[in-house]
Structure formats: structure tokens, C-alpha cells
Amino acid sequence: MPIYHTLGRVPQKRHTAMRKPDGGVYSEQLMGHEGFTGTSSLLYHVHPPTTVRSVRRVRELAWEADDDATLKHRHFRTSQVKPGGSPTLDRTLLLFNADIAMLYVEPDEQDAHFYRNAQADEVVYVAKGRGVLETQFGDLPYGEGDYVMIHRGIMHRWKLDLTTPQKFCVFESRGHVRWPKRYRNEFGQLLEGAPYSERDIRRPTELKTHDEMGDFPILVKQYDGLNEFVLDHHPFDVVGWDGYFYPWIFNIRDFEPIVGRVHQPPPVHQTFQGDGFVICSFCPRPYDFDPNAIPAPYNHSNVDSDEVLFYASDEFMSRKGIEFGSVTHHPDGIPHGPHPGRYEASIGQTHTNELAVMMDSFRPLKVAKAATKIEDPSYHRSWIEAQHERVAAKGPALPLTD
């Protein structure tokens, strides 16, 4: 995250004593990735972050794949996911591999615990809802269309606004999620031609310091399970911090679509880069402006990646039969493309109001067993069925005559 930021009070020099009003010394903590060489921040705590009363293994989180490994296109309807529960503990696993996982949840409960994912960065796309992400780095208000970036190890708690439905699409990345390299110059600054700028990145703006003693449960996801640590003080006791490592938010509507005279390939929609995957944003935009341009995507075979789309609206130019919250999985090994009729119908259209989040993984994805409960089992036949409907709508063919 190449933007320096600071909140609260920090000493003039790193690793020097910052005194409390009573003469004591605040506890310094470095948080960062890739040892001491990646982005990091220094936090200053009222109490040492290590004063743990008890620890225990709460539960295992073994991810189970669908037994049917048949190669085919698949469609999942998140509208059929049972709503409710915790934003951190009741997520439904949809797809996964060693690099990236995709989960979904419609929470309606406030977490009493604090949460830290110690084995993955989390990118939470807020399809519906609003509230505040509380963290040690300060509060981050969130709303519809936000990508909430929570790097691994960042302790947080979701404060849901329960007056509105909450729908989260969650990506868990084993590697560090970042801006695409081609959008940055050698100093890390976003380029003029990038589809967003630093002004679009929302960072914590209000730091609330809690100096409270007691039992404070923290659930940590590590070793493919949940572990509970009970701290003897409120974990949000930070009086100041600075650095490059912290949670942040980017809204999908601040993405500036790149358009051209003819159809542009999906990489122009790339928003984030991860290890073994990318995340793209398909946003409302004008279509290609050549009079003969075909705005709908051409058939294509991604011979080294799986393509997954989360539809954040019920409109998508190339697809029939999807709804808000649909998830389609087009795996490596078979071609995919627009449904019959969509290719031709797009000619002459001037714009689209579609909204979708795409994740392309560079290693094959497994379908989770839990996802099969919300699957449209006939989706792989939708191209031929749509073609038959189209032919039938035209009526019988005229007989041949001499």
C-alpha cells in the first residue's frame, strides 16, 4: 500500500521512548508483511499487545471440495444462501485453491469478539449494506460498492448498520493484495493513465484509544482453524501509528473504465493484483464507438486461468439467466463467451449499466461442497438452450424449392 499515513501521536524517531503522562513508556509494535522488507507500520500501545490470559483452539476450518470434479461451466445463486449470522464466522465457501478463496455472507449479528485473519489478506466487496470497520488503526466507515481491504494480521470488528441488509462477497488471498504494477511508477505512485488515483483511496481518519482492563476475546484464523486469545485489556489501545500497512477502502464506482474504438480485453478492468489471481471491476461505461464494433466479448479460452464473476447488478451484457448476487465459474479447459443473441444484440448499443466483480485465478479452482446447495445445475447447457429458444422464436425454416 504505497501511501504513507499517520494518526495520533508518535515519537519523532522510530524505536525511541514515547512517554505516558505518568512517565511510563508506550509499547511499540511493528506490523508488516515479508519480514522486515515489505510495507509496514509502527503502532504505539497503552499496554503490551502480548498480555494474553488464555488460548484455545475453537474449531477447524477444513475446506471441502465437491466430489464431482466434472469439467463444466457453473452458476451459483447467493440469493439462496441462508441469511444471517456473524460477518466473520458464518461465511459460505464457494470456490478455492491454494492462492485464493471466494466466500459469501449476509450477516445480521454484531460480533462480540475481535477478529484477525493471520493466514490471508481479505478483500471484502460490500454488495449491500453500510457500517463501520473498527480497527487498531482507526475507524473506516463502509458502504455499498466498497472494496474493504484488510491485510493479514490486522485486528478488526465489523460494526453493522442493521437498518439495512448486508451482503458481502469475500476474497481471501494467501499473498499480499496490491495495486497492479503497471499502474505504478518506479516510486509507487499511481500513474496518470491508471483507472484510479490516490485520492480515491479512503484511509482511517479517526483513531479511538481504549484504555480498559478485562477479558477481551480475539479470534485468530491460523493453521486452517479458529483460535481464541483472551487479552487482559481492550486491543484497540493504540495512541498513534504511522506507516504504509493499514486497512483501506476503494469504491467500485470510483473506478474509471477504459474504453476504445473497438472492444477492449478484460485486463483493462483490472483493479487489484494478488499472488496467483487478479480482481477486476466491470462498471457502467460507454460502449466502443466504431459503428461496426461489437461491444459484447468474443468467445475466448483462458488456457491458464479460471474466470469467476460476482454480479452486483441483474444486468450483464453478455449473459442471460443471471440475477443480483449470481456467481459464474468458467474454468480453464473449455471456451466460454456470450449467450446466443447477446453478441449481435450488442451492436449499436451505446452504453451499459452493468456492475460486476471478476476474479481470475491462475491455478484451477475447486468448487466447495457448500456451493453445490445453491447451484443452477443446468447452467452448462444454457448456451445451447438459449440457441434453441432463439431458433424457435424465428419460426420454422422455409422449405427449399427448385
Protein backbone atom coordinates (compact mmCIF):
# COMPACT_ATOMS: atom_id res chain seq x y z
CA MET A 1 0.00 0.00 0.00
CA PRO A 2 2.26 2.85 -1.20
CA ILE A 3 0.74 5.81 0.67
CA TYR A 4 2.31 6.94 3.91
CA HIS A 5 -0.29 7.69 6.60
CA THR A 6 -0.29 8.52 10.30
CA LEU A 7 -2.86 9.06 13.05
CA GLY A 8 -2.49 10.01 16.69
CA ARG A 9 0.82 10.69 18.38
CA VAL A 10 4.16 9.08 17.50
CA PRO A 11 7.72 9.89 18.65
CA GLN A 12 9.97 11.95 16.41
CA LYS A 13 12.32 9.00 15.85
CA ARG A 14 11.45 5.33 15.45
CA HIS A 15 12.32 2.92 18.25
CA THR A 16 12.76 5.67 20.83
CA ALA A 17 10.82 6.07 24.08
CA MET A 18 7.44 7.75 23.89
CA ARG A 19 6.41 8.63 27.43
CA LYS A 20 2.99 8.25 29.01
CA PRO A 21 1.66 11.06 31.22
CA ASP A 22 2.72 9.02 34.28
CA GLY A 23 6.28 8.63 32.95
CA GLY A 24 5.86 5.09 31.65
CA VAL A 25 6.66 4.09 28.08
CA TYR A 26 4.13 3.19 25.39
CA SER A 27 4.65 -0.24 23.81
CA GLU A 28 5.88 -0.12 20.23
CA GLN A 29 4.74 -2.79 17.75
CA LEU A 30 5.77 -3.26 14.13
CA MET A 31 3.21 -4.81 11.76
CA GLY A 32 4.11 -5.63 8.18
CA HIS A 33 4.50 -8.33 5.58
CA GLU A 34 7.51 -10.10 4.07
CA GLY A 35 9.51 -9.96 7.27
CA PHE A 36 11.07 -6.53 7.67
CA THR A 37 11.25 -5.75 3.94
CA GLY A 38 7.62 -5.24 2.89
CA THR A 39 5.21 -2.46 3.75
CA SER A 40 4.84 -1.96 7.49
CA SER A 41 3.54 0.34 10.21
CA LEU A 42 4.62 1.11 13.77
CA LEU A 43 1.87 1.21 16.41
CA TYR A 44 2.15 2.59 19.97
CA HIS A 45 0.01 0.82 22.59
CA VAL A 46 -1.04 1.79 26.09
CA HIS A 47 -0.47 -1.86 27.10
CA PRO A 48 1.82 -4.52 25.60
CA PRO A 49 -0.09 -6.42 22.87
CA THR A 50 1.24 -9.70 24.29
CA THR A 51 -0.60 -9.90 27.65
CA VAL A 52 -2.74 -12.98 26.94
CA ARG A 53 -4.79 -14.62 29.72
CA SER A 54 -5.68 -17.83 27.84
CA VAL A 55 -5.60 -19.54 24.46
CA ARG A 56 -7.63 -22.37 22.95
CA ARG A 57 -8.42 -23.95 19.59
CA VAL A 58 -12.07 -23.16 18.85
CA ARG A 59 -12.76 -25.11 15.66
CA GLU A 60 -11.26 -26.48 12.47
CA LEU A 61 -11.95 -24.82 9.13
CA ALA A 62 -11.26 -27.63 6.69
CA TRP A 63 -12.43 -26.65 3.22
CA GLU A 64 -14.19 -29.49 1.42
CA ALA A 65 -14.35 -29.69 -2.36
CA ASP A 66 -17.27 -31.03 -4.39
CA ASP A 67 -16.80 -34.74 -5.08
CA ASP A 68 -17.93 -34.20 -8.68
CA ALA A 69 -14.89 -32.80 -10.48
CA THR A 70 -16.54 -32.84 -13.93
CA LEU A 71 -15.23 -30.02 -16.08
CA LYS A 72 -18.14 -27.67 -16.84
CA HIS A 73 -19.36 -24.10 -16.50
CA ARG A 74 -21.15 -23.48 -13.20
CA HIS A 75 -23.56 -20.92 -11.76
CA PHE A 76 -24.32 -20.30 -8.10
CA ARG A 77 -27.17 -18.17 -6.73
CA THR A 78 -26.14 -16.45 -3.49
CA SER A 79 -29.77 -15.37 -3.06
CA GLN A 80 -30.30 -18.95 -1.86
CA VAL A 81 -27.65 -18.70 0.87
CA LYS A 82 -29.23 -18.78 4.32
CA PRO A 83 -29.06 -15.15 5.52
CA GLY A 84 -27.89 -14.10 8.94
CA GLY A 85 -25.10 -14.78 11.35
CA SER A 86 -21.68 -13.31 12.01
CA PRO A 87 -19.74 -11.34 9.37
CA THR A 88 -16.60 -13.30 10.23
CA LEU A 89 -17.79 -16.74 11.39
CA ASP A 90 -20.72 -17.62 9.13
CA ARG A 91 -19.32 -17.22 5.63
CA THR A 92 -20.30 -19.74 2.95
CA LEU A 93 -17.31 -21.02 0.97
CA LEU A 94 -17.90 -21.04 -2.79
CA LEU A 95 -14.58 -21.59 -4.60
CA PHE A 96 -10.95 -22.03 -3.54
CA ASN A 97 -7.42 -23.08 -4.38
CA ALA A 98 -4.05 -22.64 -2.67
CA ASP A 99 -3.88 -18.93 -3.59
CA ILE A 100 -7.38 -17.53 -3.31
CA ALA A 101 -10.82 -18.34 -1.89
CA MET A 102 -14.22 -16.80 -2.51
CA LEU A 103 -16.86 -16.72 0.24
CA TYR A 104 -20.25 -15.09 0.79
CA VAL A 105 -22.20 -13.92 3.83
CA GLU A 106 -25.29 -11.87 4.66
CA PRO A 107 -24.58 -11.02 8.32
CA ASP A 108 -27.15 -9.71 10.77
CA GLU A 109 -25.26 -10.13 14.07
CA GLN A 110 -22.71 -7.85 15.71
CA ASP A 111 -19.54 -9.71 16.64
CA ALA A 112 -18.73 -9.61 20.35
CA HIS A 113 -15.21 -10.80 19.53
CA PHE A 114 -12.38 -9.10 17.65
CA TYR A 115 -11.13 -10.88 14.55
CA ARG A 116 -7.79 -11.32 12.85
CA ASN A 117 -7.08 -13.37 9.74
CA ALA A 118 -3.46 -14.40 10.16
CA GLN A 119 -3.24 -16.54 7.03
CA ALA A 120 -4.80 -14.34 4.35
CA ASP A 121 -5.41 -10.81 3.14
CA GLU A 122 -9.15 -10.16 2.89
CA VAL A 123 -10.85 -8.14 0.16
CA VAL A 124 -14.49 -7.70 1.18
CA TYR A 125 -16.77 -6.41 -1.56
CA VAL A 126 -19.85 -4.81 0.02
CA ALA A 127 -22.67 -5.63 -2.40
CA LYS A 128 -25.23 -4.25 0.06
CA GLY A 129 -25.03 -2.56 3.43
CA ARG A 130 -23.19 0.04 5.42
CA GLY A 131 -21.50 0.43 8.77
CA VAL A 132 -18.05 0.91 10.27
CA LEU A 133 -14.99 -1.31 10.23
CA GLU A 134 -13.37 -0.81 13.63
CA THR A 135 -9.60 -1.45 13.71
CA GLN A 136 -6.49 -0.73 15.76
CA PHE A 137 -5.61 1.82 13.07
CA GLY A 138 -8.89 3.72 13.43
CA ASP A 139 -12.43 3.55 12.11
CA LEU A 140 -13.31 3.07 8.45
CA PRO A 141 -16.95 3.78 7.50
CA TYR A 142 -18.04 1.49 4.64
CA GLY A 143 -20.97 1.41 2.24
CA GLU A 144 -22.38 -0.21 -0.87
CA GLY A 145 -19.85 -0.82 -3.63
CA ASP A 146 -16.82 -0.63 -1.35
CA TYR A 147 -13.84 -2.92 -1.61
CA VAL A 148 -12.69 -3.12 2.03
CA MET A 149 -9.02 -4.14 2.11
CA ILE A 150 -7.95 -5.85 5.34
CA HIS A 151 -4.39 -7.08 5.14
CA ARG A 152 -3.45 -10.23 7.03
CA GLY A 153 -2.85 -9.74 10.74
CA ILE A 154 -4.97 -6.60 11.06
CA MET A 155 -7.33 -6.93 14.01
CA HIS A 156 -10.82 -5.62 13.32
CA ARG A 157 -14.51 -5.79 14.14
CA TRP A 158 -17.45 -5.14 11.85
CA LYS A 159 -19.99 -2.67 13.26
CA LEU A 160 -23.01 -3.36 11.07
CA ASP A 161 -25.75 -0.84 10.44
CA LEU A 162 -28.61 -3.27 10.97
CA THR A 163 -31.19 -0.91 9.50
CA THR A 164 -30.06 -2.11 6.04
CA PRO A 165 -29.36 -5.59 4.63
CA GLN A 166 -25.70 -6.61 4.50
CA LYS A 167 -24.30 -8.70 1.61
CA PHE A 168 -20.55 -9.35 1.49
CA CYS A 169 -18.53 -11.15 -1.18
CA VAL A 170 -15.20 -12.04 0.45
CA PHE A 171 -11.90 -12.92 -1.20
CA GLU A 172 -9.20 -14.47 0.98
CA SER A 173 -5.70 -14.23 -0.51
CA ARG A 174 -2.69 -16.16 0.77
CA GLY A 175 -0.48 -13.44 -0.75
CA HIS A 176 -0.41 -9.67 -0.38
CA VAL A 177 -3.12 -7.84 -2.37
CA ARG A 178 -1.89 -4.68 -4.06
CA TRP A 179 -2.37 -2.25 -6.92
CA PRO A 180 -1.31 -3.66 -10.31
CA LYS A 181 2.33 -3.00 -11.05
CA ARG A 182 1.57 -1.49 -14.46
CA TYR A 183 -0.48 1.28 -12.78
CA ARG A 184 2.51 2.46 -10.70
CA ASN A 185 5.74 4.25 -11.47
CA GLU A 186 9.11 3.23 -10.01
CA PHE A 187 8.35 5.20 -6.84
CA GLY A 188 4.99 3.50 -6.25
CA GLN A 189 2.84 6.47 -7.26
CA LEU A 190 -0.22 5.72 -9.36
CA LEU A 191 0.25 6.82 -12.97
CA GLU A 192 -1.84 9.40 -14.79
CA GLY A 193 -3.24 6.66 -17.02
CA ALA A 194 -4.31 4.42 -14.14
CA PRO A 195 -8.09 3.93 -13.71
CA TYR A 196 -7.97 5.46 -10.22
CA SER A 197 -5.70 7.66 -8.12
CA GLU A 198 -4.59 8.03 -4.51
CA ARG A 199 -7.48 10.47 -3.98
CA ASP A 200 -9.89 7.57 -4.40
CA ILE A 201 -8.32 5.55 -1.56
CA ARG A 202 -10.08 6.01 1.81
CA ARG A 203 -7.90 5.54 4.86
CA PRO A 204 -8.69 5.56 8.61
CA THR A 205 -9.36 9.13 9.72
CA GLU A 206 -10.40 8.77 13.37
CA LEU A 207 -8.34 6.92 15.98
CA LYS A 208 -10.19 5.91 19.15
CA THR A 209 -7.94 4.85 22.02
CA HIS A 210 -9.48 2.44 24.57
CA ASP A 211 -7.72 2.07 27.91
CA GLU A 212 -9.84 -0.67 29.52
CA MET A 213 -8.88 -3.77 31.51
CA GLY A 214 -10.86 -7.01 31.46
CA ASP A 215 -11.34 -10.13 29.32
CA PHE A 216 -11.37 -9.36 25.59
CA PRO A 217 -11.70 -12.36 23.22
CA ILE A 218 -9.83 -12.25 19.91
CA LEU A 219 -10.48 -14.93 17.28
CA VAL A 220 -7.48 -15.57 15.05
CA LYS A 221 -7.72 -17.60 11.85
CA GLN A 222 -4.48 -19.56 11.53
CA TYR A 223 -3.47 -23.13 10.66
CA ASP A 224 -6.84 -23.58 8.92
CA GLY A 225 -8.77 -23.08 12.11
CA LEU A 226 -10.07 -20.55 14.62
CA ASN A 227 -8.04 -19.87 17.75
CA GLU A 228 -9.25 -17.79 20.70
CA PHE A 229 -6.90 -15.47 22.57
CA VAL A 230 -8.27 -13.70 25.64
CA LEU A 231 -6.40 -10.43 26.16
CA ASP A 232 -6.36 -8.70 29.55
CA HIS A 233 -7.09 -5.30 28.01
CA HIS A 234 -9.03 -3.76 25.14
CA PRO A 235 -6.96 -4.42 21.98
CA PHE A 236 -7.78 -1.03 20.45
CA ASP A 237 -5.44 0.79 22.86
CA VAL A 238 -3.30 2.42 20.16
CA VAL A 239 -2.45 6.09 20.81
CA GLY A 240 -0.71 6.62 17.48
CA TRP A 241 0.78 4.90 14.44
CA ASP A 242 2.44 5.62 11.13
CA GLY A 243 3.49 3.70 8.04
CA TYR A 244 2.24 2.04 4.89
CA PHE A 245 0.45 -1.02 6.30
CA TYR A 246 -3.19 -0.46 7.34
CA PRO A 247 -6.76 -1.19 6.18
CA TRP A 248 -8.22 0.91 3.38
CA ILE A 249 -11.24 1.19 1.09
CA PHE A 250 -11.79 1.74 -2.62
CA ASN A 251 -15.29 2.10 -4.06
CA ILE A 252 -16.08 0.36 -7.33
CA ARG A 253 -17.83 3.49 -8.62
CA ASP A 254 -14.52 5.37 -8.40
CA PHE A 255 -13.03 3.02 -10.99
CA GLU A 256 -12.60 4.86 -14.30
CA PRO A 257 -13.42 2.43 -17.14
CA ILE A 258 -11.05 2.39 -20.08
CA VAL A 259 -12.95 2.31 -23.40
CA GLY A 260 -11.84 2.29 -27.03
CA ARG A 261 -13.00 2.42 -30.62
CA VAL A 262 -13.39 -1.39 -30.56
CA HIS A 263 -13.81 -3.90 -27.75
CA GLN A 264 -11.16 -3.77 -25.04
CA PRO A 265 -9.97 -7.00 -23.37
CA PRO A 266 -10.73 -7.74 -19.69
CA PRO A 267 -7.30 -6.65 -18.36
CA VAL A 268 -8.42 -3.01 -18.80
CA HIS A 269 -10.86 -3.69 -15.95
CA GLN A 270 -8.16 -4.92 -13.54
CA THR A 271 -8.43 -3.31 -10.12
CA PHE A 272 -6.17 -5.35 -7.81
CA GLN A 273 -3.31 -7.77 -8.17
CA GLY A 274 -2.61 -10.76 -5.96
CA ASP A 275 -0.32 -13.78 -5.97
CA GLY A 276 -1.96 -16.16 -8.42
CA PHE A 277 -5.03 -14.06 -9.23
CA VAL A 278 -6.40 -10.65 -10.23
CA ILE A 279 -9.61 -8.81 -9.35
CA CYS A 280 -11.40 -6.71 -11.99
CA SER A 281 -14.34 -4.27 -11.89
CA PHE A 282 -16.97 -4.12 -14.64
CA CYS A 283 -18.68 -0.75 -14.24
CA PRO A 284 -21.26 1.39 -16.09
CA ARG A 285 -19.49 2.82 -19.13
CA PRO A 286 -19.94 3.89 -22.75
CA TYR A 287 -19.50 1.15 -25.32
CA ASP A 288 -17.00 1.04 -28.16
CA PHE A 289 -17.63 3.84 -30.63
CA ASP A 290 -16.73 2.34 -34.01
CA PRO A 291 -20.01 1.87 -35.95
CA ASN A 292 -19.09 -1.76 -36.65
CA ALA A 293 -17.80 -2.53 -33.17
CA ILE A 294 -19.25 -5.50 -31.27
CA PRO A 295 -19.36 -4.46 -27.60
CA ALA A 296 -20.11 -7.96 -26.28
CA PRO A 297 -16.98 -10.02 -25.56
CA TYR A 298 -15.87 -12.56 -28.13
CA ASN A 299 -15.67 -16.26 -27.31
CA HIS A 300 -12.41 -16.98 -25.57
CA SER A 301 -10.42 -19.74 -23.94
CA ASN A 302 -8.27 -18.75 -20.99
CA VAL A 303 -5.83 -21.61 -21.22
CA ASP A 304 -4.15 -20.80 -17.92
CA SER A 305 -6.84 -19.29 -15.70
CA ASP A 306 -10.33 -19.75 -14.25
CA GLU A 307 -12.77 -16.84 -14.58
CA VAL A 308 -15.26 -16.07 -11.80
CA LEU A 309 -17.84 -13.27 -11.88
CA PHE A 310 -19.91 -11.92 -8.99
CA TYR A 311 -22.83 -9.99 -10.47
CA ALA A 312 -23.51 -6.90 -8.37
CA SER A 313 -26.50 -5.98 -10.55
CA ASP A 314 -29.05 -8.03 -12.51
CA GLU A 315 -27.76 -6.67 -15.82
CA PHE A 316 -24.79 -8.02 -17.74
CA MET A 317 -24.41 -7.52 -21.47
CA SER A 318 -23.23 -10.99 -22.42
CA ARG A 319 -25.18 -13.18 -20.04
CA LYS A 320 -28.75 -14.47 -19.71
CA GLY A 321 -30.33 -16.05 -16.66
CA ILE A 322 -28.25 -14.30 -14.03
CA GLU A 323 -29.53 -12.22 -11.11
CA PHE A 324 -28.13 -9.89 -8.48
CA GLY A 325 -25.67 -11.97 -6.48
CA SER A 326 -25.14 -14.65 -9.12
CA VAL A 327 -21.68 -16.18 -9.30
CA THR A 328 -20.49 -17.85 -12.52
CA HIS A 329 -17.39 -20.03 -12.77
CA HIS A 330 -15.88 -20.55 -16.22
CA PRO A 331 -12.92 -22.91 -15.73
CA ASP A 332 -9.74 -23.34 -17.71
CA GLY A 333 -10.00 -26.03 -20.38
CA ILE A 334 -13.25 -25.09 -22.15
CA PRO A 335 -14.20 -21.94 -24.10
CA HIS A 336 -16.86 -19.53 -22.96
CA GLY A 337 -18.47 -16.45 -24.36
CA PRO A 338 -21.72 -14.50 -24.72
CA HIS A 339 -25.04 -16.29 -24.71
CA PRO A 340 -26.67 -16.66 -28.14
CA GLY A 341 -28.26 -13.40 -29.30
CA ARG A 342 -26.23 -11.22 -26.95
CA TYR A 343 -23.33 -10.84 -29.39
CA GLU A 344 -25.46 -9.48 -32.22
CA ALA A 345 -27.79 -7.52 -29.94
CA SER A 346 -24.89 -5.52 -28.55
CA ILE A 347 -24.08 -3.98 -31.96
CA GLY A 348 -25.14 -0.34 -31.99
CA GLN A 349 -25.70 -0.15 -28.22
CA THR A 350 -24.20 2.96 -26.66
CA HIS A 351 -23.60 2.04 -23.01
CA THR A 352 -24.05 -0.49 -20.24
CA ASN A 353 -25.15 -0.16 -16.62
CA GLU A 354 -23.66 -3.48 -15.56
CA LEU A 355 -21.79 -3.84 -12.28
CA ALA A 356 -19.74 -6.94 -11.54
CA VAL A 357 -16.59 -8.10 -9.75
CA MET A 358 -14.40 -10.58 -11.60
CA MET A 359 -11.68 -12.77 -10.12
CA ASP A 360 -9.35 -14.66 -12.45
CA SER A 361 -7.19 -17.30 -10.78
CA PHE A 362 -4.09 -18.67 -12.49
CA ARG A 363 -4.45 -22.11 -10.93
CA PRO A 364 -7.62 -24.23 -11.16
CA LEU A 365 -10.32 -23.52 -8.60
CA LYS A 366 -12.18 -26.17 -6.63
CA VAL A 367 -15.91 -25.85 -6.10
CA ALA A 368 -16.79 -26.08 -2.42
CA LYS A 369 -19.32 -28.66 -1.27
CA ALA A 370 -21.32 -25.89 0.37
CA ALA A 371 -21.71 -24.15 -3.01
CA THR A 372 -23.46 -27.12 -4.60
CA LYS A 373 -26.53 -26.41 -2.46
CA ILE A 374 -27.09 -23.13 -4.31
CA GLU A 375 -26.05 -24.26 -7.79
CA ASP A 376 -28.05 -23.93 -11.00
CA PRO A 377 -27.37 -27.45 -12.31
CA SER A 378 -28.34 -26.71 -15.91
CA TYR A 379 -26.10 -23.67 -16.41
CA HIS A 380 -23.58 -25.54 -18.59
CA ARG A 381 -26.42 -26.13 -21.09
CA SER A 382 -27.58 -22.50 -21.12
CA TRP A 383 -25.75 -21.66 -24.37
CA ILE A 384 -27.42 -24.41 -26.39
CA GLU A 385 -30.80 -23.86 -24.71
CA ALA A 386 -30.61 -20.16 -25.47
CA GLN A 387 -29.72 -21.02 -29.07
CA HIS A 388 -32.74 -23.34 -29.38
CA GLU A 389 -35.00 -20.63 -27.93
CA ARG A 390 -33.62 -18.18 -30.43
CA VAL A 391 -34.20 -20.52 -33.37
CA ALA A 392 -37.73 -21.33 -32.19
CA ALA A 393 -38.56 -17.64 -31.89
CA LYS A 394 -37.72 -17.18 -35.58
CA GLY A 395 -40.27 -19.83 -36.62
CA PRO A 396 -39.85 -22.83 -38.95
CA ALA A 397 -37.48 -22.50 -41.84
CA LEU A 398 -38.94 -22.06 -45.36
CA PRO A 399 -38.83 -25.25 -47.50
CA LEU A 400 -36.20 -25.39 -50.22
CA THR A 401 -37.54 -25.15 -53.80
CA ASP A 402 -36.01 -25.60 -57.21
